[in-house]
Amino acid sequence: MNLEITQENLYLILPGKVSRVAQIYAHEHHVTIIEAMRRFYRSETYKLLADESTKYWHYGPVALYQEFADELEQKGSKL
């Protein structure tokens, strides 16, 4: 059994990571989970997460949320 994460199989772990980040965001910003997911999917943080070479998939949901929050703070928006 091959347990290596590659760009071809990364999609298998993304939904769980996105879901948890969106839950945290929705709770913190009082938006729906759907809106939180939309905002995260449009973010640079998600683009980095979806690129296996960045190794963002190693991050847990809190670390990913912090990256996302830092991105939003830099942009001065909520996406």
N, C-alpha and C. Protein backbone atom coordinates (compact mmCIF):
# COMPACT_ATOMS: atom_id res chain seq x y z
N MET A 1 0.84 -1.18 0.00
CA MET A 1 0.00 0.00 0.00
C MET A 1 0.89 1.24 0.00
N ASN A 2 0.61 2.16 -0.92
CA ASN A 2 1.36 3.40 -1.03
C ASN A 2 0.69 4.48 -0.18
N LEU A 3 1.40 4.98 0.82
CA LEU A 3 0.84 5.99 1.71
C LEU A 3 1.36 7.39 1.41
N GLU A 4 2.05 7.55 0.31
CA GLU A 4 2.62 8.84 -0.06
C GLU A 4 1.54 9.78 -0.57
N ILE A 5 1.59 11.03 -0.12
CA ILE A 5 0.68 12.06 -0.63
C ILE A 5 1.33 12.68 -1.86
N THR A 6 0.59 12.70 -2.95
CA THR A 6 1.05 13.31 -4.19
C THR A 6 -0.01 14.29 -4.67
N GLN A 7 0.32 15.06 -5.70
CA GLN A 7 -0.66 15.98 -6.27
C GLN A 7 -1.88 15.22 -6.78
N GLU A 8 -1.67 14.00 -7.23
CA GLU A 8 -2.76 13.20 -7.79
C GLU A 8 -3.74 12.69 -6.73
N ASN A 9 -3.29 12.51 -5.50
CA ASN A 9 -4.21 12.00 -4.47
C ASN A 9 -4.48 13.00 -3.34
N LEU A 10 -3.92 14.18 -3.45
CA LEU A 10 -4.12 15.21 -2.42
C LEU A 10 -5.60 15.56 -2.23
N TYR A 11 -6.36 15.48 -3.32
CA TYR A 11 -7.78 15.81 -3.27
C TYR A 11 -8.55 14.99 -2.23
N LEU A 12 -8.01 13.85 -1.86
CA LEU A 12 -8.69 12.99 -0.90
C LEU A 12 -8.70 13.57 0.51
N ILE A 13 -7.71 14.36 0.87
CA ILE A 13 -7.66 14.91 2.23
C ILE A 13 -8.12 16.37 2.32
N LEU A 14 -8.28 17.02 1.17
CA LEU A 14 -8.67 18.43 1.20
C LEU A 14 -10.05 18.70 1.81
N PRO A 15 -11.08 17.92 1.50
CA PRO A 15 -12.40 18.24 2.06
C PRO A 15 -12.44 18.32 3.59
N GLY A 16 -11.76 17.41 4.25
CA GLY A 16 -11.73 17.44 5.71
C GLY A 16 -11.05 18.68 6.25
N LYS A 17 -9.96 19.07 5.61
CA LYS A 17 -9.22 20.26 6.04
C LYS A 17 -10.05 21.52 5.79
N VAL A 18 -10.64 21.62 4.60
CA VAL A 18 -11.46 22.78 4.26
C VAL A 18 -12.65 22.88 5.19
N SER A 19 -13.29 21.76 5.46
CA SER A 19 -14.46 21.75 6.32
C SER A 19 -14.15 22.31 7.71
N ARG A 20 -13.06 21.88 8.28
CA ARG A 20 -12.73 22.33 9.64
C ARG A 20 -12.34 23.80 9.67
N VAL A 21 -11.57 24.26 8.67
CA VAL A 21 -11.22 25.69 8.60
C VAL A 21 -12.49 26.51 8.44
N ALA A 22 -13.39 26.06 7.60
CA ALA A 22 -14.65 26.79 7.38
C ALA A 22 -15.49 26.83 8.65
N GLN A 23 -15.50 25.75 9.40
CA GLN A 23 -16.25 25.74 10.67
C GLN A 23 -15.70 26.80 11.64
N ILE A 24 -14.39 26.86 11.73
CA ILE A 24 -13.78 27.85 12.62
C ILE A 24 -14.10 29.26 12.14
N TYR A 25 -13.94 29.49 10.83
CA TYR A 25 -14.22 30.81 10.27
C TYR A 25 -15.68 31.22 10.48
N ALA A 26 -16.58 30.30 10.19
CA ALA A 26 -18.01 30.58 10.34
C ALA A 26 -18.34 30.97 11.79
N HIS A 27 -17.76 30.25 12.71
CA HIS A 27 -18.01 30.53 14.13
C HIS A 27 -17.44 31.90 14.52
N GLU A 28 -16.23 32.18 14.09
CA GLU A 28 -15.56 33.44 14.46
C GLU A 28 -16.19 34.67 13.80
N HIS A 29 -16.70 34.50 12.58
CA HIS A 29 -17.19 35.65 11.81
C HIS A 29 -18.70 35.67 11.64
N HIS A 30 -19.38 34.74 12.29
CA HIS A 30 -20.85 34.70 12.28
C HIS A 30 -21.43 34.71 10.86
N VAL A 31 -20.89 33.80 10.04
CA VAL A 31 -21.43 33.59 8.69
C VAL A 31 -21.82 32.13 8.58
N THR A 32 -22.54 31.79 7.53
CA THR A 32 -22.92 30.40 7.33
C THR A 32 -21.70 29.58 6.94
N ILE A 33 -21.79 28.30 7.13
CA ILE A 33 -20.70 27.40 6.76
C ILE A 33 -20.46 27.45 5.25
N ILE A 34 -21.52 27.58 4.48
CA ILE A 34 -21.40 27.67 3.02
C ILE A 34 -20.63 28.93 2.63
N GLU A 35 -20.96 30.05 3.25
CA GLU A 35 -20.24 31.29 2.96
C GLU A 35 -18.78 31.20 3.39
N ALA A 36 -18.54 30.60 4.52
CA ALA A 36 -17.17 30.41 5.00
C ALA A 36 -16.37 29.56 4.02
N MET A 37 -16.99 28.51 3.50
CA MET A 37 -16.30 27.65 2.53
C MET A 37 -16.02 28.42 1.25
N ARG A 38 -16.97 29.21 0.78
CA ARG A 38 -16.75 30.02 -0.42
C ARG A 38 -15.56 30.94 -0.24
N ARG A 39 -15.51 31.61 0.90
CA ARG A 39 -14.40 32.53 1.15
C ARG A 39 -13.07 31.80 1.22
N PHE A 40 -13.06 30.64 1.85
CA PHE A 40 -11.80 29.90 1.95
C PHE A 40 -11.37 29.37 0.58
N TYR A 41 -12.30 28.84 -0.19
CA TYR A 41 -11.95 28.32 -1.52
C TYR A 41 -11.41 29.41 -2.44
N ARG A 42 -11.80 30.67 -2.23
CA ARG A 42 -11.30 31.78 -3.05
C ARG A 42 -9.97 32.33 -2.55
N SER A 43 -9.47 31.82 -1.46
CA SER A 43 -8.27 32.40 -0.84
C SER A 43 -6.97 31.86 -1.41
N GLU A 44 -5.94 32.63 -1.19
CA GLU A 44 -4.59 32.19 -1.54
C GLU A 44 -4.18 31.02 -0.65
N THR A 45 -4.65 31.00 0.57
CA THR A 45 -4.34 29.90 1.49
C THR A 45 -4.84 28.58 0.92
N TYR A 46 -6.03 28.58 0.36
CA TYR A 46 -6.54 27.35 -0.25
C TYR A 46 -5.69 26.94 -1.44
N LYS A 47 -5.29 27.91 -2.26
CA LYS A 47 -4.44 27.59 -3.40
C LYS A 47 -3.15 26.92 -2.95
N LEU A 48 -2.59 27.42 -1.86
CA LEU A 48 -1.37 26.81 -1.33
C LEU A 48 -1.65 25.42 -0.77
N LEU A 49 -2.78 25.26 -0.11
CA LEU A 49 -3.17 23.96 0.43
C LEU A 49 -3.35 22.94 -0.69
N ALA A 50 -3.91 23.36 -1.80
CA ALA A 50 -4.21 22.46 -2.91
C ALA A 50 -2.97 22.12 -3.75
N ASP A 51 -1.86 22.77 -3.45
CA ASP A 51 -0.61 22.50 -4.15
C ASP A 51 0.27 21.63 -3.25
N GLU A 52 0.43 20.38 -3.61
CA GLU A 52 1.16 19.43 -2.76
C GLU A 52 2.57 19.90 -2.44
N SER A 53 3.21 20.61 -3.36
CA SER A 53 4.61 21.00 -3.16
C SER A 53 4.80 21.98 -1.99
N THR A 54 3.74 22.68 -1.59
CA THR A 54 3.85 23.62 -0.46
C THR A 54 3.84 22.91 0.88
N LYS A 55 3.33 21.68 0.89
CA LYS A 55 3.22 20.87 2.10
C LYS A 55 2.24 21.47 3.13
N TYR A 56 1.36 22.38 2.70
CA TYR A 56 0.35 22.92 3.61
C TYR A 56 -0.58 21.83 4.12
N TRP A 57 -0.68 20.73 3.39
CA TRP A 57 -1.55 19.64 3.83
C TRP A 57 -1.07 19.03 5.14
N HIS A 58 0.17 19.33 5.53
CA HIS A 58 0.67 18.89 6.83
C HIS A 58 0.02 19.67 7.98
N TYR A 59 -0.43 20.87 7.68
CA TYR A 59 -0.97 21.74 8.73
C TYR A 59 -2.31 21.22 9.25
N GLY A 60 -2.53 21.43 10.52
CA GLY A 60 -3.82 21.13 11.11
C GLY A 60 -4.78 22.26 10.86
N PRO A 61 -6.05 22.10 11.24
CA PRO A 61 -7.05 23.12 10.95
C PRO A 61 -6.78 24.46 11.61
N VAL A 62 -6.24 24.45 12.81
CA VAL A 62 -5.97 25.72 13.50
C VAL A 62 -4.86 26.49 12.79
N ALA A 63 -3.80 25.79 12.41
CA ALA A 63 -2.71 26.44 11.68
C ALA A 63 -3.18 26.96 10.33
N LEU A 64 -3.99 26.18 9.62
CA LEU A 64 -4.53 26.64 8.35
C LEU A 64 -5.43 27.85 8.54
N TYR A 65 -6.25 27.82 9.57
CA TYR A 65 -7.12 28.96 9.85
C TYR A 65 -6.29 30.20 10.14
N GLN A 66 -5.21 30.05 10.88
CA GLN A 66 -4.36 31.19 11.20
C GLN A 66 -3.72 31.76 9.94
N GLU A 67 -3.29 30.89 9.03
CA GLU A 67 -2.75 31.36 7.75
C GLU A 67 -3.82 32.14 6.98
N PHE A 68 -5.03 31.61 6.97
CA PHE A 68 -6.16 32.26 6.30
C PHE A 68 -6.46 33.61 6.95
N ALA A 69 -6.51 33.64 8.26
CA ALA A 69 -6.78 34.89 8.98
C ALA A 69 -5.69 35.92 8.71
N ASP A 70 -4.44 35.48 8.68
CA ASP A 70 -3.33 36.39 8.38
C ASP A 70 -3.46 36.95 6.96
N GLU A 71 -3.86 36.09 6.03
CA GLU A 71 -4.07 36.54 4.66
C GLU A 71 -5.16 37.60 4.61
N LEU A 72 -6.26 37.36 5.29
CA LEU A 72 -7.36 38.32 5.30
C LEU A 72 -6.93 39.63 5.93
N GLU A 73 -6.16 39.54 6.99
CA GLU A 73 -5.70 40.75 7.67
C GLU A 73 -4.80 41.57 6.74
N GLN A 74 -3.92 40.89 6.01
CA GLN A 74 -3.05 41.58 5.06
C GLN A 74 -3.85 42.27 3.96
N LYS A 75 -4.90 41.60 3.50
CA LYS A 75 -5.73 42.17 2.45
C LYS A 75 -6.71 43.19 3.00
N GLY A 76 -6.92 43.18 4.31
CA GLY A 76 -7.86 44.11 4.91
C GLY A 76 -9.30 43.81 4.57
N SER A 77 -9.60 42.53 4.37
CA SER A 77 -10.96 42.16 3.98
C SER A 77 -11.34 40.80 4.53
N LYS A 78 -12.57 40.40 4.25
CA LYS A 78 -13.06 39.08 4.60
C LYS A 78 -13.28 38.24 3.36
N LEU A 79 -12.70 38.66 2.25
CA LEU A 79 -12.89 38.01 0.94
C LEU A 79 -14.35 38.09 0.59
